[in-house]
């Protein structure tokens, strides 16, 4: 599944009206959208999705932020999808992100960093399956 990755435009992207510009940048970088939905995560969904961070001091703030508004979840396809997408979105800290990356252009801070991208092929599959059923993927 190395040609698939998962992304999520976070609540700050939606609030700041950057959804269209970010999706446009993704498409222009050669990614094909295989599934997409505009939704809002519940506390339970966000807690399950970010369970890996449960013991971290920022966990509760992360859950509060991720449930503070709607998100856009999407499955993207491209050769070398995970690595290429990580390059496109840039460093978690927008101040350290390369020029032209999504986070450099649209993120305000480490905590409001505009977008999520899978960090491995294994996590991409898990994250895609978490947000989408088989009949939602094209």
Protein backbone atom coordinates (compact mmCIF):
# COMPACT_ATOMS: atom_id res chain seq x y z
CA UNK A 1 0.00 0.00 0.00
CA UNK A 2 2.99 2.30 -0.55
CA UNK A 3 1.06 4.38 -3.08
CA UNK A 4 -1.61 5.42 -0.53
CA UNK A 5 -1.49 7.88 2.35
CA UNK A 6 -3.98 9.48 4.70
CA UNK A 7 -4.39 13.16 5.41
CA UNK A 8 -6.59 15.27 7.57
CA UNK A 9 -7.07 19.01 7.25
CA UNK A 10 -7.32 20.08 10.87
CA UNK A 11 -9.91 22.43 12.42
CA UNK A 12 -7.66 25.49 12.06
CA UNK A 13 -7.46 24.95 8.28
CA UNK A 14 -11.25 24.91 8.06
CA UNK A 15 -11.66 27.88 10.44
CA UNK A 16 -9.12 29.93 8.48
CA UNK A 17 -10.82 29.14 5.16
CA UNK A 18 -7.74 27.39 3.73
CA UNK A 19 -9.47 24.14 2.75
CA UNK A 20 -9.66 24.84 -0.98
CA UNK A 21 -6.14 26.22 -1.25
CA UNK A 22 -4.68 23.21 0.58
CA UNK A 23 -6.62 20.68 -1.49
CA UNK A 24 -5.55 22.50 -4.66
CA UNK A 25 -1.90 22.31 -3.58
CA UNK A 26 -2.26 18.56 -2.91
CA UNK A 27 -3.77 17.91 -6.35
CA UNK A 28 -1.20 20.08 -8.13
CA UNK A 29 1.54 18.04 -6.43
CA UNK A 30 0.24 14.96 -8.27
CA UNK A 31 -1.90 13.28 -5.63
CA UNK A 32 -5.19 11.68 -6.63
CA UNK A 33 -8.02 11.84 -4.09
CA UNK A 34 -9.38 8.32 -3.55
CA UNK A 35 -11.77 9.27 -0.73
CA UNK A 36 -12.70 12.49 1.05
CA UNK A 37 -15.15 13.59 3.70
CA UNK A 38 -16.00 16.69 5.66
CA UNK A 39 -16.77 15.58 9.21
CA UNK A 40 -16.25 16.30 12.88
CA UNK A 41 -14.53 13.86 15.20
CA UNK A 42 -16.11 13.00 18.54
CA UNK A 43 -14.02 12.93 21.71
CA UNK A 44 -14.03 9.14 21.53
CA UNK A 45 -12.90 9.07 17.89
CA UNK A 46 -10.13 11.61 18.48
CA UNK A 47 -8.97 9.76 21.61
CA UNK A 48 -8.82 6.49 19.67
CA UNK A 49 -7.11 8.05 16.65
CA UNK A 50 -4.42 9.68 18.83
CA UNK A 51 -4.19 6.84 21.39
CA UNK A 52 -0.44 6.58 20.70
CA UNK A 53 -0.07 9.97 22.46
CA UNK A 54 -2.29 9.09 25.45
CA UNK A 55 0.54 9.35 28.00
CA UNK A 56 1.95 12.59 26.56
CA UNK A 57 1.31 15.87 28.42
CA UNK A 58 -0.33 17.45 25.36
CA UNK A 59 -2.90 14.66 24.82
CA UNK A 60 -5.93 16.43 26.34
CA UNK A 61 -5.16 19.67 24.49
CA UNK A 62 -4.77 17.70 21.25
CA UNK A 63 -8.17 16.04 21.69
CA UNK A 64 -9.81 19.36 22.55
CA UNK A 65 -8.27 20.98 19.46
CA UNK A 66 -9.15 18.11 17.10
CA UNK A 67 -12.80 18.14 18.23
CA UNK A 68 -13.10 21.95 18.20
CA UNK A 69 -14.43 22.01 14.64
CA UNK A 70 -14.82 20.05 11.45
CA UNK A 71 -12.00 18.31 9.61
CA UNK A 72 -11.50 17.09 6.05
CA UNK A 73 -10.25 13.51 5.97
CA UNK A 74 -8.86 12.10 2.72
CA UNK A 75 -7.08 9.14 1.21
CA UNK A 76 -4.50 10.15 -1.36
CA UNK A 77 -2.78 8.10 -4.05
CA UNK A 78 0.60 8.69 -5.69
CA UNK A 79 3.81 6.71 -6.12
CA UNK A 80 5.80 6.97 -2.87
CA UNK A 81 2.73 8.62 -1.32
CA UNK A 82 3.74 8.69 2.36
CA UNK A 83 7.20 10.17 1.85
CA UNK A 84 6.14 12.58 -0.90
CA UNK A 85 3.23 13.82 1.20
CA UNK A 86 5.41 14.31 4.29
CA UNK A 87 7.69 16.45 2.12
CA UNK A 88 4.71 18.44 0.79
CA UNK A 89 3.29 19.20 4.24
CA UNK A 90 6.62 20.15 5.85
CA UNK A 91 7.87 20.12 9.43
CA UNK A 92 5.39 19.98 12.33
CA UNK A 93 6.76 23.35 13.43
CA UNK A 94 5.78 25.80 10.68
CA UNK A 95 8.76 28.01 11.56
CA UNK A 96 11.06 25.12 10.60
CA UNK A 97 9.03 24.03 7.56
CA UNK A 98 10.55 24.46 4.11
CA UNK A 99 9.34 27.32 1.93
CA UNK A 100 6.29 26.41 -0.14
CA UNK A 101 5.17 23.54 2.12
CA UNK A 102 1.59 23.41 3.36
CA UNK A 103 2.58 24.06 6.97
CA UNK A 104 4.87 26.96 6.02
CA UNK A 105 2.00 28.53 4.08
CA UNK A 106 -1.00 27.72 6.28
CA UNK A 107 0.00 26.66 9.83
CA UNK A 108 0.13 29.12 12.72
CA UNK A 109 2.00 27.04 15.33
CA UNK A 110 3.14 23.56 16.32
CA UNK A 111 -0.23 22.92 17.96
CA UNK A 112 -2.31 24.43 15.12
CA UNK A 113 -0.30 22.99 12.25
CA UNK A 114 -3.03 22.84 9.60
CA UNK A 115 -2.70 19.24 8.40
CA UNK A 116 -1.94 15.64 9.33
CA UNK A 117 -0.09 13.17 7.13
CA UNK A 118 0.61 9.50 7.80
CA UNK A 119 4.18 8.83 8.93
CA UNK A 120 4.50 5.28 7.54
CA UNK A 121 2.82 2.90 5.09
CA UNK A 122 1.54 0.85 8.04
CA UNK A 123 -0.01 3.87 9.75
CA UNK A 124 -1.46 5.07 6.44
CA UNK A 125 -3.47 1.83 6.16
CA UNK A 126 -4.58 2.02 9.81
CA UNK A 127 -5.60 5.68 9.47
CA UNK A 128 -7.41 5.12 6.16
CA UNK A 129 -9.34 2.21 7.68
CA UNK A 130 -10.14 4.30 10.78
CA UNK A 131 -11.85 7.05 8.78
CA UNK A 132 -13.24 5.27 5.72
CA UNK A 133 -15.21 2.14 4.98
CA UNK A 134 -14.42 0.14 1.86
CA UNK A 135 -17.42 1.51 -0.07
CA UNK A 136 -16.22 5.12 0.44
CA UNK A 137 -12.90 4.56 -1.38
CA UNK A 138 -12.71 4.96 -5.17
